[in-house]
Each structure stands twice: as C-alpha cells, then as structure tokens.
C-alpha cells in the first residue's frame, strides 16, 4: 500500500489518485456524485439558495465514499488531500468525458480499467 503522505504537488498526486480509483464501479459512483454535486451547486448559485450548498457536498461525498468503503476497500484520499482530491474528481471526470481516461489509468499502473 502506498504512503499518500509523501505527495507535495498535484502532478505527482494524480497518478496515486487514479490508482485509488482502480475499479470501474468506484469511478462511476464518483462521476454520479460529481455530476449531481455540480448540478446542485450551480442551481444554488443561480437561484441564490445558499442552503443547498451543503447538500452538494453531501451528495458528492456520499457517492464517492460508498465506492471507496464498499468497492475499493480503501480510505478516500480526501482525508489527507481534500483540495487535490476535489480537483482529482473533476480531472478524472473530464478525462472520462473526453475519452482520455484509459490512457492515464494505464500510465498510472491501473490495469483492466
């Protein structure tokens, strides 16, 4: 098991992040949570309904943590790297949407992705 405490920059962190999301179903749960959180967040901003912002966080993290605890069986990187993990969620989602995720997973050492 890798020691995530050693990362001092996002460039080095992201391959670790991808390895912590090695199972497809974990990534799918992250995409759902990230997408729903974005919808809720932007809806809160547009309608100025600020009380919905915590709901966005709960929604995003609930889906992600289900993936980590019940599928990956690992501790979410957000516990040590909250900002980089948030960026990583969106980065991974963007790579998936643009068809470039498989290459990055392979580069990070995730096989059978």
PDB file of N, CA and C in Angstrom:
ATOM      1  N   UNK A   1       0.841  -1.187   0.000  1.00  0.00           N
ATOM      2  CA  UNK A   1       0.000   0.000   0.000  1.00  0.00           C
ATOM      3  C   UNK A   1       0.883   1.245   0.000  1.00  0.00           C
ATOM      4  N   UNK A   2       0.542   2.176  -0.836  1.00  0.00           N
ATOM      5  CA  UNK A   2       1.303   3.419  -0.960  1.00  0.00           C
ATOM      6  C   UNK A   2       1.119   4.314   0.252  1.00  0.00           C
ATOM      7  N   UNK A   3       2.131   5.108   0.527  1.00  0.00           N
ATOM      8  CA  UNK A   3       2.020   6.105   1.587  1.00  0.00           C
ATOM      9  C   UNK A   3       1.661   7.444   0.949  1.00  0.00           C
ATOM     10  N   UNK A   4       0.390   7.861   1.045  1.00  0.00           N
ATOM     11  CA  UNK A   4      -0.022   9.106   0.392  1.00  0.00           C
ATOM     12  C   UNK A   4       0.547  10.357   1.039  1.00  0.00           C
ATOM     13  N   UNK A   5       1.183  10.244   2.191  1.00  0.00           N
ATOM     14  CA  UNK A   5       1.709  11.425   2.882  1.00  0.00           C
ATOM     15  C   UNK A   5       2.904  12.031   2.164  1.00  0.00           C
ATOM     16  N   UNK A   6       3.414  11.369   1.168  1.00  0.00           N
ATOM     17  CA  UNK A   6       4.630  11.853   0.516  1.00  0.00           C
ATOM     18  C   UNK A   6       4.388  12.840  -0.616  1.00  0.00           C
ATOM     19  N   UNK A   7       3.155  13.081  -1.013  1.00  0.00           N
ATOM     20  CA  UNK A   7       2.894  13.921  -2.180  1.00  0.00           C
ATOM     21  C   UNK A   7       2.940  15.400  -1.822  1.00  0.00           C
ATOM     22  N   UNK A   8       3.726  16.136  -2.597  1.00  0.00           N
ATOM     23  CA  UNK A   8       3.870  17.575  -2.344  1.00  0.00           C
ATOM     24  C   UNK A   8       3.364  18.420  -3.501  1.00  0.00           C
ATOM     25  N   UNK A   9       2.910  17.758  -4.593  1.00  0.00           N
ATOM     26  CA  UNK A   9       2.344  18.512  -5.710  1.00  0.00           C
ATOM     27  C   UNK A   9       1.285  17.665  -6.420  1.00  0.00           C
ATOM     28  N   UNK A  10       0.398  18.347  -7.111  1.00  0.00           N
ATOM     29  CA  UNK A  10      -0.723  17.665  -7.750  1.00  0.00           C
ATOM     30  C   UNK A  10      -0.265  16.734  -8.867  1.00  0.00           C
ATOM     31  N   UNK A  11       0.762  17.117  -9.581  1.00  0.00           N
ATOM     32  CA  UNK A  11       1.246  16.286 -10.693  1.00  0.00           C
ATOM     33  C   UNK A  11       1.637  14.891 -10.206  1.00  0.00           C
ATOM     34  N   UNK A  12       2.288  14.816  -9.065  1.00  0.00           N
ATOM     35  CA  UNK A  12       2.668  13.516  -8.508  1.00  0.00           C
ATOM     36  C   UNK A  12       1.483  12.831  -7.828  1.00  0.00           C
ATOM     37  N   UNK A  13       0.572  13.617  -7.280  1.00  0.00           N
ATOM     38  CA  UNK A  13      -0.586  13.081  -6.581  1.00  0.00           C
ATOM     39  C   UNK A  13      -1.567  12.387  -7.526  1.00  0.00           C
ATOM     40  N   UNK A  14      -1.784  12.926  -8.725  1.00  0.00           N
ATOM     41  CA  UNK A  14      -2.854  12.429  -9.588  1.00  0.00           C
ATOM     42  C   UNK A  14      -2.698  10.956  -9.976  1.00  0.00           C
ATOM     43  N   UNK A  15      -1.512  10.455 -10.317  1.00  0.00           N
ATOM     44  CA  UNK A  15      -1.421   9.009 -10.579  1.00  0.00           C
ATOM     45  C   UNK A  15      -1.812   8.161  -9.357  1.00  0.00           C
ATOM     46  N   UNK A  16      -1.417   8.615  -8.168  1.00  0.00           N
ATOM     47  CA  UNK A  16      -1.840   7.934  -6.936  1.00  0.00           C
ATOM     48  C   UNK A  16      -3.367   7.959  -6.836  1.00  0.00           C
ATOM     49  N   UNK A  17      -3.956   9.121  -7.089  1.00  0.00           N
ATOM     50  CA  UNK A  17      -5.412   9.271  -7.050  1.00  0.00           C
ATOM     51  C   UNK A  17      -6.067   8.258  -7.993  1.00  0.00           C
ATOM     52  N   UNK A  18      -5.545   8.132  -9.206  1.00  0.00           N
ATOM     53  CA  UNK A  18      -6.116   7.179 -10.160  1.00  0.00           C
ATOM     54  C   UNK A  18      -5.985   5.745  -9.662  1.00  0.00           C
ATOM     55  N   UNK A  19      -4.854   5.398  -9.054  1.00  0.00           N
ATOM     56  CA  UNK A  19      -4.688   4.047  -8.517  1.00  0.00           C
ATOM     57  C   UNK A  19      -5.671   3.769  -7.385  1.00  0.00           C
ATOM     58  N   UNK A  20      -6.051   4.788  -6.636  1.00  0.00           N
ATOM     59  CA  UNK A  20      -7.027   4.636  -5.559  1.00  0.00           C
ATOM     60  C   UNK A  20      -8.455   4.500  -6.102  1.00  0.00           C
ATOM     61  N   UNK A  21      -8.598   4.686  -7.409  1.00  0.00           N
ATOM     62  CA  UNK A  21      -9.895   4.549  -8.089  1.00  0.00           C
ATOM     63  C   UNK A  21      -9.756   3.504  -9.197  1.00  0.00           C
ATOM     64  N   UNK A  22      -9.192   2.363  -8.855  1.00  0.00           N
ATOM     65  CA  UNK A  22      -8.839   1.366  -9.861  1.00  0.00           C
ATOM     66  C   UNK A  22     -10.031   0.587 -10.398  1.00  0.00           C
ATOM     67  N   UNK A  23     -11.112   0.557  -9.657  1.00  0.00           N
ATOM     68  CA  UNK A  23     -12.273  -0.222 -10.087  1.00  0.00           C
ATOM     69  C   UNK A  23     -13.290   0.680 -10.790  1.00  0.00           C
ATOM     70  N   UNK A  24     -13.788   0.187 -11.899  1.00  0.00           N
ATOM     71  CA  UNK A  24     -14.707   0.968 -12.731  1.00  0.00           C
ATOM     72  C   UNK A  24     -15.939   1.441 -11.957  1.00  0.00           C
ATOM     73  N   UNK A  25     -16.509   0.584 -11.119  1.00  0.00           N
ATOM     74  CA  UNK A  25     -17.716   0.984 -10.393  1.00  0.00           C
ATOM     75  C   UNK A  25     -17.449   2.107  -9.401  1.00  0.00           C
ATOM     76  N   UNK A  26     -16.251   2.146  -8.845  1.00  0.00           N
ATOM     77  CA  UNK A  26     -15.887   3.266  -7.978  1.00  0.00           C
ATOM     78  C   UNK A  26     -15.889   4.558  -8.784  1.00  0.00           C
ATOM     79  N   UNK A  27     -15.287   4.506  -9.966  1.00  0.00           N
ATOM     80  CA  UNK A  27     -15.233   5.701 -10.812  1.00  0.00           C
ATOM     81  C   UNK A  27     -16.640   6.131 -11.235  1.00  0.00           C
ATOM     82  N   UNK A  28     -17.503   5.172 -11.554  1.00  0.00           N
ATOM     83  CA  UNK A  28     -18.875   5.511 -11.939  1.00  0.00           C
ATOM     84  C   UNK A  28     -19.578   6.238 -10.798  1.00  0.00           C
ATOM     85  N   UNK A  29     -19.423   5.748  -9.575  1.00  0.00           N
ATOM     86  CA  UNK A  29     -20.027   6.424  -8.428  1.00  0.00           C
ATOM     87  C   UNK A  29     -19.469   7.832  -8.268  1.00  0.00           C
ATOM     88  N   UNK A  30     -18.180   8.009  -8.529  1.00  0.00           N
ATOM     89  CA  UNK A  30     -17.582   9.346  -8.464  1.00  0.00           C
ATOM     90  C   UNK A  30     -18.186  10.262  -9.532  1.00  0.00           C
ATOM     91  N   UNK A  31     -18.362   9.743 -10.737  1.00  0.00           N
ATOM     92  CA  UNK A  31     -18.941  10.566 -11.805  1.00  0.00           C
ATOM     93  C   UNK A  31     -20.360  11.004 -11.426  1.00  0.00           C
ATOM     94  N   UNK A  32     -21.141  10.075 -10.881  1.00  0.00           N
ATOM     95  CA  UNK A  32     -22.508  10.407 -10.484  1.00  0.00           C
ATOM     96  C   UNK A  32     -22.492  11.473  -9.394  1.00  0.00           C
ATOM     97  N   UNK A  33     -21.685  11.250  -8.364  1.00  0.00           N
ATOM     98  CA  UNK A  33     -21.613  12.206  -7.259  1.00  0.00           C
ATOM     99  C   UNK A  33     -21.103  13.565  -7.692  1.00  0.00           C
ATOM    100  N   UNK A  34     -20.065  13.580  -8.526  1.00  0.00           N
ATOM    101  CA  UNK A  34     -19.504  14.844  -9.009  1.00  0.00           C
ATOM    102  C   UNK A  34     -20.522  15.582  -9.869  1.00  0.00           C
ATOM    103  N   UNK A  35     -21.199  14.853 -10.752  1.00  0.00           N
ATOM    104  CA  UNK A  35     -22.199  15.482 -11.618  1.00  0.00           C
ATOM    105  C   UNK A  35     -23.370  16.048 -10.832  1.00  0.00           C
ATOM    106  N   UNK A  36     -23.904  15.264  -9.913  1.00  0.00           N
ATOM    107  CA  UNK A  36     -25.028  15.746  -9.107  1.00  0.00           C
ATOM    108  C   UNK A  36     -24.614  16.925  -8.222  1.00  0.00           C
ATOM    109  N   UNK A  37     -23.429  16.848  -7.649  1.00  0.00           N
ATOM    110  CA  UNK A  37     -22.943  17.952  -6.819  1.00  0.00           C
ATOM    111  C   UNK A  37     -22.821  19.230  -7.640  1.00  0.00           C
ATOM    112  N   UNK A  38     -22.324  19.121  -8.868  1.00  0.00           N
ATOM    113  CA  UNK A  38     -22.209  20.301  -9.729  1.00  0.00           C
ATOM    114  C   UNK A  38     -23.584  20.882 -10.066  1.00  0.00           C
ATOM    115  N   UNK A  39     -24.533  20.014 -10.359  1.00  0.00           N
ATOM    116  CA  UNK A  39     -25.893  20.485 -10.667  1.00  0.00           C
ATOM    117  C   UNK A  39     -26.477  21.225  -9.464  1.00  0.00           C
ATOM    118  N   UNK A  40     -26.330  20.637  -8.286  1.00  0.00           N
ATOM    119  CA  UNK A  40     -26.866  21.265  -7.072  1.00  0.00           C
ATOM    120  C   UNK A  40     -26.143  22.577  -6.789  1.00  0.00           C
ATOM    121  N   UNK A  41     -24.821  22.573  -6.909  1.00  0.00           N
ATOM    122  CA  UNK A  41     -24.038  23.782  -6.637  1.00  0.00           C
ATOM    123  C   UNK A  41     -24.424  24.923  -7.576  1.00  0.00           C
ATOM    124  N   UNK A  42     -24.470  24.640  -8.867  1.00  0.00           N
ATOM    125  CA  UNK A  42     -24.817  25.695  -9.825  1.00  0.00           C
ATOM    126  C   UNK A  42     -26.264  26.144  -9.671  1.00  0.00           C
ATOM    127  N   UNK A  43     -27.149  25.222  -9.315  1.00  0.00           N
ATOM    128  CA  UNK A  43     -28.544  25.603  -9.048  1.00  0.00           C
ATOM    129  C   UNK A  43     -28.611  26.532  -7.839  1.00  0.00           C
ATOM    130  N   UNK A  44     -27.838  26.227  -6.809  1.00  0.00           N
ATOM    131  CA  UNK A  44     -27.810  27.082  -5.621  1.00  0.00           C
ATOM    132  C   UNK A  44     -27.288  28.473  -5.964  1.00  0.00           C
ATOM    133  N   UNK A  45     -26.259  28.536  -6.799  1.00  0.00           N
ATOM    134  CA  UNK A  45     -25.697  29.830  -7.190  1.00  0.00           C
ATOM    135  C   UNK A  45     -26.694  30.629  -8.027  1.00  0.00           C
ATOM    136  N   UNK A  46     -27.281  29.977  -9.012  1.00  0.00           N
ATOM    137  CA  UNK A  46     -28.220  30.668  -9.903  1.00  0.00           C
ATOM    138  C   UNK A  46     -29.449  31.164  -9.145  1.00  0.00           C
ATOM    139  N   UNK A  47     -29.970  30.332  -8.249  1.00  0.00           N
ATOM    140  CA  UNK A  47     -31.181  30.711  -7.515  1.00  0.00           C
ATOM    141  C   UNK A  47     -30.867  31.449  -6.211  1.00  0.00           C
ATOM    142  N   UNK A  48     -29.596  31.554  -5.891  1.00  0.00           N
ATOM    143  CA  UNK A  48     -29.126  32.160  -4.636  1.00  0.00           C
ATOM    144  C   UNK A  48     -29.748  31.483  -3.418  1.00  0.00           C
ATOM    145  N   UNK A  49     -29.899  30.180  -3.535  1.00  0.00           N
ATOM    146  CA  UNK A  49     -30.410  29.353  -2.435  1.00  0.00           C
ATOM    147  C   UNK A  49     -29.206  28.713  -1.747  1.00  0.00           C
ATOM    148  N   UNK A  50     -28.549  29.487  -0.913  1.00  0.00           N
ATOM    149  CA  UNK A  50     -27.257  29.087  -0.344  1.00  0.00           C
ATOM    150  C   UNK A  50     -27.346  27.865   0.562  1.00  0.00           C
ATOM    151  N   UNK A  51     -28.527  27.577   1.062  1.00  0.00           N
ATOM    152  CA  UNK A  51     -28.679  26.424   1.939  1.00  0.00           C
ATOM    153  C   UNK A  51     -28.483  25.097   1.199  1.00  0.00           C
ATOM    154  N   UNK A  52     -28.503  25.130  -0.131  1.00  0.00           N
ATOM    155  CA  UNK A  52     -28.304  23.907  -0.905  1.00  0.00           C
ATOM    156  C   UNK A  52     -26.825  23.543  -1.070  1.00  0.00           C
ATOM    157  N   UNK A  53     -25.935  24.453  -0.768  1.00  0.00           N
ATOM    158  CA  UNK A  53     -24.506  24.167  -0.954  1.00  0.00           C
ATOM    159  C   UNK A  53     -24.047  22.980  -0.102  1.00  0.00           C
ATOM    160  N   UNK A  54     -24.434  22.889   1.161  1.00  0.00           N
ATOM    161  CA  UNK A  54     -24.043  21.683   1.917  1.00  0.00           C
ATOM    162  C   UNK A  54     -24.595  20.396   1.293  1.00  0.00           C
ATOM    163  N   UNK A  55     -25.776  20.481   0.691  1.00  0.00           N
ATOM    164  CA  UNK A  55     -26.346  19.310   0.024  1.00  0.00           C
ATOM    165  C   UNK A  55     -25.441  18.855  -1.129  1.00  0.00           C
ATOM    166  N   UNK A  56     -24.848  19.792  -1.829  1.00  0.00           N
ATOM    167  CA  UNK A  56     -23.925  19.443  -2.916  1.00  0.00           C
ATOM    168  C   UNK A  56     -22.747  18.649  -2.371  1.00  0.00           C
ATOM    169  N   UNK A  57     -22.199  19.096  -1.262  1.00  0.00           N
ATOM    170  CA  UNK A  57     -21.067  18.385  -0.653  1.00  0.00           C
ATOM    171  C   UNK A  57     -21.469  16.987  -0.190  1.00  0.00           C
ATOM    172  N   UNK A  58     -22.597  16.900   0.490  1.00  0.00           N
ATOM    173  CA  UNK A  58     -23.065  15.604   0.979  1.00  0.00           C
ATOM    174  C   UNK A  58     -23.308  14.649  -0.181  1.00  0.00           C
ATOM    175  N   UNK A  59     -23.936  15.141  -1.222  1.00  0.00           N
ATOM    176  CA  UNK A  59     -24.237  14.315  -2.391  1.00  0.00           C
ATOM    177  C   UNK A  59     -22.952  13.797  -3.039  1.00  0.00           C
ATOM    178  N   UNK A  60     -22.015  14.701  -3.285  1.00  0.00           N
ATOM    179  CA  UNK A  60     -20.767  14.305  -3.929  1.00  0.00           C
ATOM    180  C   UNK A  60     -19.987  13.300  -3.113  1.00  0.00           C
ATOM    181  N   UNK A  61     -19.838  13.583  -1.827  1.00  0.00           N
ATOM    182  CA  UNK A  61     -19.048  12.695  -0.971  1.00  0.00           C
ATOM    183  C   UNK A  61     -19.745  11.369  -0.700  1.00  0.00           C
ATOM    184  N   UNK A  62     -21.059  11.358  -0.608  1.00  0.00           N
ATOM    185  CA  UNK A  62     -21.772  10.101  -0.340  1.00  0.00           C
ATOM    186  C   UNK A  62     -21.487   9.071  -1.426  1.00  0.00           C
ATOM    187  N   UNK A  63     -21.647   9.459  -2.674  1.00  0.00           N
ATOM    188  CA  UNK A  63     -21.383   8.521  -3.770  1.00  0.00           C
ATOM    189  C   UNK A  63     -19.919   8.086  -3.783  1.00  0.00           C
ATOM    190  N   UNK A  64     -19.010   9.034  -3.609  1.00  0.00           N
ATOM    191  CA  UNK A  64     -17.580   8.717  -3.642  1.00  0.00           C
ATOM    192  C   UNK A  64     -17.196   7.765  -2.511  1.00  0.00           C
ATOM    193  N   UNK A  65     -17.657   8.053  -1.310  1.00  0.00           N
ATOM    194  CA  UNK A  65     -17.259   7.240  -0.157  1.00  0.00           C
ATOM    195  C   UNK A  65     -17.871   5.852  -0.195  1.00  0.00           C
ATOM    196  N   UNK A  66     -19.050   5.712  -0.761  1.00  0.00           N
ATOM    197  CA  UNK A  66     -19.617   4.367  -0.956  1.00  0.00           C
ATOM    198  C   UNK A  66     -18.660   3.550  -1.824  1.00  0.00           C
ATOM    199  N   UNK A  67     -18.153   4.182  -2.887  1.00  0.00           N
ATOM    200  CA  UNK A  67     -17.199   3.495  -3.756  1.00  0.00           C
ATOM    201  C   UNK A  67     -15.932   3.086  -3.028  1.00  0.00           C
ATOM    202  N   UNK A  68     -15.402   3.975  -2.216  1.00  0.00           N
ATOM    203  CA  UNK A  68     -14.158   3.656  -1.510  1.00  0.00           C
ATOM    204  C   UNK A  68     -14.364   2.588  -0.441  1.00  0.00           C
ATOM    205  N   UNK A  69     -15.388   2.740   0.383  1.00  0.00           N
ATOM    206  CA  UNK A  69     -15.566   1.831   1.510  1.00  0.00           C
ATOM    207  C   UNK A  69     -16.095   0.455   1.109  1.00  0.00           C
ATOM    208  N   UNK A  70     -16.949   0.399   0.077  1.00  0.00           N
ATOM    209  CA  UNK A  70     -17.590  -0.864  -0.261  1.00  0.00           C
ATOM    210  C   UNK A  70     -17.090  -1.514  -1.544  1.00  0.00           C
ATOM    211  N   UNK A  71     -16.411  -0.772  -2.394  1.00  0.00           N
ATOM    212  CA  UNK A  71     -15.908  -1.354  -3.650  1.00  0.00           C
ATOM    213  C   UNK A  71     -14.379  -1.429  -3.633  1.00  0.00           C
ATOM    214  N   UNK A  72     -13.722  -0.304  -3.432  1.00  0.00           N
ATOM    215  CA  UNK A  72     -12.251  -0.279  -3.412  1.00  0.00           C
ATOM    216  C   UNK A  72     -11.685  -0.819  -2.099  1.00  0.00           C
ATOM    217  N   UNK A  73     -12.430  -0.656  -1.026  1.00  0.00           N
ATOM    218  CA  UNK A  73     -11.964  -1.018   0.323  1.00  0.00           C
ATOM    219  C   UNK A  73     -10.702  -0.250   0.693  1.00  0.00           C
ATOM    220  N   UNK A  74     -10.726   1.056   0.444  1.00  0.00           N
ATOM    221  CA  UNK A  74      -9.612   1.919   0.834  1.00  0.00           C
ATOM    222  C   UNK A  74     -10.154   3.209   1.437  1.00  0.00           C
ATOM    223  N   UNK A  75      -9.263   3.974   2.002  1.00  0.00           N
ATOM    224  CA  UNK A  75      -9.649   5.234   2.634  1.00  0.00           C
ATOM    225  C   UNK A  75      -9.595   6.341   1.581  1.00  0.00           C
ATOM    226  N   UNK A  76     -10.644   7.157   1.451  1.00  0.00           N
ATOM    227  CA  UNK A  76     -10.631   8.238   0.452  1.00  0.00           C
ATOM    228  C   UNK A  76      -9.429   9.167   0.635  1.00  0.00           C
ATOM    229  N   UNK A  77      -8.816   9.528  -0.459  1.00  0.00           N
ATOM    230  CA  UNK A  77      -7.663  10.442  -0.427  1.00  0.00           C
ATOM    231  C   UNK A  77      -8.051  11.814   0.105  1.00  0.00           C
ATOM    232  N   UNK A  78      -9.329  12.113   0.085  1.00  0.00           N
ATOM    233  CA  UNK A  78      -9.789  13.423   0.552  1.00  0.00           C
ATOM    234  C   UNK A  78      -9.478  13.656   2.029  1.00  0.00           C
ATOM    235  N   UNK A  79      -9.262  12.577   2.798  1.00  0.00           N
ATOM    236  CA  UNK A  79      -8.933  12.735   4.209  1.00  0.00           C
ATOM    237  C   UNK A  79      -7.564  13.383   4.405  1.00  0.00           C
ATOM    238  N   UNK A  80      -6.630  13.122   3.491  1.00  0.00           N
ATOM    239  CA  UNK A  80      -5.299  13.727   3.587  1.00  0.00           C
ATOM    240  C   UNK A  80      -5.111  14.883   2.611  1.00  0.00           C
ATOM    241  N   UNK A  81      -5.799  14.819   1.480  1.00  0.00           N
ATOM    242  CA  UNK A  81      -5.634  15.804   0.414  1.00  0.00           C
ATOM    243  C   UNK A  81      -6.994  16.321  -0.051  1.00  0.00           C
ATOM    244  N   UNK A  82      -7.694  17.100   0.758  1.00  0.00           N
ATOM    245  CA  UNK A  82      -9.061  17.498   0.382  1.00  0.00           C
ATOM    246  C   UNK A  82      -9.153  18.295  -0.913  1.00  0.00           C
ATOM    247  N   UNK A  83      -8.267  19.251  -1.121  1.00  0.00           N
ATOM    248  CA  UNK A  83      -8.354  20.076  -2.336  1.00  0.00           C
ATOM    249  C   UNK A  83      -7.907  19.310  -3.563  1.00  0.00           C
ATOM    250  N   UNK A  84      -6.804  18.590  -3.442  1.00  0.00           N
ATOM    251  CA  UNK A  84      -6.328  17.822  -4.594  1.00  0.00           C
ATOM    252  C   UNK A  84      -7.314  16.718  -4.963  1.00  0.00           C
ATOM    253  N   UNK A  85      -7.983  16.140  -3.974  1.00  0.00           N
ATOM    254  CA  UNK A  85      -8.984  15.116  -4.270  1.00  0.00           C
ATOM    255  C   UNK A  85     -10.178  15.712  -5.008  1.00  0.00           C
ATOM    256  N   UNK A  86     -10.585  16.893  -4.594  1.00  0.00           N
ATOM    257  CA  UNK A  86     -11.685  17.577  -5.274  1.00  0.00           C
ATOM    258  C   UNK A  86     -11.302  17.866  -6.732  1.00  0.00           C
ATOM    259  N   UNK A  87     -10.095  18.361  -6.920  1.00  0.00           N
ATOM    260  CA  UNK A  87      -9.596  18.607  -8.278  1.00  0.00           C
ATOM    261  C   UNK A  87      -9.508  17.285  -9.034  1.00  0.00           C
ATOM    262  N   UNK A  88      -9.009  16.244  -8.363  1.00  0.00           N
ATOM    263  CA  UNK A  88      -8.883  14.930  -8.987  1.00  0.00           C
ATOM    264  C   UNK A  88     -10.216  14.371  -9.450  1.00  0.00           C
ATOM    265  N   UNK A  89     -11.278  14.563  -8.651  1.00  0.00           N
ATOM    266  CA  UNK A  89     -12.619  14.103  -9.061  1.00  0.00           C
ATOM    267  C   UNK A  89     -13.022  14.723 -10.392  1.00  0.00           C
ATOM    268  N   UNK A  90     -12.825  16.030 -10.482  1.00  0.00           N
ATOM    269  CA  UNK A  90     -13.200  16.734 -11.713  1.00  0.00           C
ATOM    270  C   UNK A  90     -12.246  16.400 -12.865  1.00  0.00           C
ATOM    271  N   UNK A  91     -10.981  16.248 -12.558  1.00  0.00           N
ATOM    272  CA  UNK A  91      -9.983  15.891 -13.574  1.00  0.00           C
ATOM    273  C   UNK A  91     -10.309  14.513 -14.155  1.00  0.00           C
ATOM    274  N   UNK A  92     -10.572  13.529 -13.279  1.00  0.00           N
ATOM    275  CA  UNK A  92     -10.899  12.179 -13.730  1.00  0.00           C
ATOM    276  C   UNK A  92     -12.188  12.188 -14.552  1.00  0.00           C
ATOM    277  N   UNK A  93     -13.179  12.952 -14.104  1.00  0.00           N
ATOM    278  CA  UNK A  93     -14.438  13.037 -14.846  1.00  0.00           C
ATOM    279  C   UNK A  93     -14.207  13.650 -16.227  1.00  0.00           C
ATOM    280  N   UNK A  94     -13.403  14.705 -16.294  1.00  0.00           N
ATOM    281  CA  UNK A  94     -13.109  15.340 -17.572  1.00  0.00           C
ATOM    282  C   UNK A  94     -12.378  14.375 -18.509  1.00  0.00           C
ATOM    283  N   UNK A  95     -11.410  13.637 -17.975  1.00  0.00           N
ATOM    284  CA  UNK A  95     -10.693  12.663 -18.804  1.00  0.00           C
ATOM    285  C   UNK A  95     -11.644  11.594 -19.335  1.00  0.00           C
ATOM    286  N   UNK A  96     -12.596  11.151 -18.514  1.00  0.00           N
ATOM    287  CA  UNK A  96     -13.571  10.169 -18.953  1.00  0.00           C
ATOM    288  C   UNK A  96     -14.435  10.748 -20.067  1.00  0.00           C
ATOM    289  N   UNK A  97     -14.919  11.980 -19.868  1.00  0.00           N
ATOM    290  CA  UNK A  97     -15.792  12.607 -20.864  1.00  0.00           C
ATOM    291  C   UNK A  97     -15.079  12.857 -22.191  1.00  0.00           C
ATOM    292  N   UNK A  98     -13.775  13.075 -22.156  1.00  0.00           N
ATOM    293  CA  UNK A  98     -13.013  13.370 -23.362  1.00  0.00           C
ATOM    294  C   UNK A  98     -12.315  12.136 -23.943  1.00  0.00           C
ATOM    295  N   UNK A  99     -12.572  10.962 -23.355  1.00  0.00           N
ATOM    296  CA  UNK A  99     -12.013   9.724 -23.889  1.00  0.00           C
ATOM    297  C   UNK A  99     -10.536   9.523 -23.622  1.00  0.00           C
ATOM    298  N   UNK A 100      -9.973  10.234 -22.660  1.00  0.00           N
ATOM    299  CA  UNK A 100      -8.540  10.115 -22.389  1.00  0.00           C
ATOM    300  C   UNK A 100      -8.226   9.410 -21.071  1.00  0.00           C
ATOM    301  N   UNK A 101      -9.246   8.923 -20.376  1.00  0.00           N
ATOM    302  CA  UNK A 101      -9.013   8.331 -19.063  1.00  0.00           C
ATOM    303  C   UNK A 101      -8.257   7.013 -19.136  1.00  0.00           C
ATOM    304  N   UNK A 102      -8.605   6.157 -20.059  1.00  0.00           N
ATOM    305  CA  UNK A 102      -7.960   4.838 -20.142  1.00  0.00           C
ATOM    306  C   UNK A 102      -6.447   4.971 -20.260  1.00  0.00           C
ATOM    307  N   UNK A 103      -5.985   5.887 -21.089  1.00  0.00           N
ATOM    308  CA  UNK A 103      -4.545   6.100 -21.250  1.00  0.00           C
ATOM    309  C   UNK A 103      -3.915   6.524 -19.934  1.00  0.00           C
ATOM    310  N   UNK A 104      -4.547   7.460 -19.232  1.00  0.00           N
ATOM    311  CA  UNK A 104      -3.995   7.942 -17.960  1.00  0.00           C
ATOM    312  C   UNK A 104      -4.026   6.850 -16.891  1.00  0.00           C
ATOM    313  N   UNK A 105      -5.083   6.022 -16.885  1.00  0.00           N
ATOM    314  CA  UNK A 105      -5.127   4.904 -15.952  1.00  0.00           C
ATOM    315  C   UNK A 105      -3.984   3.936 -16.216  1.00  0.00           C
ATOM    316  N   UNK A 106      -3.762   3.627 -17.474  1.00  0.00           N
ATOM    317  CA  UNK A 106      -2.646   2.732 -17.829  1.00  0.00           C
ATOM    318  C   UNK A 106      -1.310   3.316 -17.409  1.00  0.00           C
ATOM    319  N   UNK A 107      -1.113   4.613 -17.644  1.00  0.00           N
ATOM    320  CA  UNK A 107       0.127   5.279 -17.238  1.00  0.00           C
ATOM    321  C   UNK A 107       0.323   5.237 -15.719  1.00  0.00           C
ATOM    322  N   UNK A 108      -0.794   5.252 -14.984  1.00  0.00           N
ATOM    323  CA  UNK A 108      -0.731   5.223 -13.520  1.00  0.00           C
ATOM    324  C   UNK A 108      -0.576   3.795 -12.980  1.00  0.00           C
ATOM    325  N   UNK A 109      -0.619   2.816 -13.876  1.00  0.00           N
ATOM    326  CA  UNK A 109      -0.446   1.431 -13.461  1.00  0.00           C
ATOM    327  C   UNK A 109      -1.739   0.710 -13.114  1.00  0.00           C
ATOM    328  N   UNK A 110      -2.874   1.263 -13.552  1.00  0.00           N
ATOM    329  CA  UNK A 110      -4.163   0.619 -13.306  1.00  0.00           C
ATOM    330  C   UNK A 110      -4.459  -0.266 -14.502  1.00  0.00           C
ATOM    331  N   UNK A 111      -4.466  -1.569 -14.284  1.00  0.00           N
ATOM    332  CA  UNK A 111      -4.712  -2.499 -15.392  1.00  0.00           C
ATOM    333  C   UNK A 111      -6.166  -2.954 -15.378  1.00  0.00           C
ATOM    334  N   UNK A 112      -6.644  -3.373 -16.522  1.00  0.00           N
ATOM    335  CA  UNK A 112      -8.016  -3.859 -16.628  1.00  0.00           C
ATOM    336  C   UNK A 112      -9.053  -2.819 -16.330  1.00  0.00           C
ATOM    337  N   UNK A 113      -8.732  -1.596 -16.655  1.00  0.00           N
ATOM    338  CA  UNK A 113      -9.633  -0.499 -16.339  1.00  0.00           C
ATOM    339  C   UNK A 113     -10.683  -0.363 -17.400  1.00  0.00           C
TER     340      UNK A 113
END
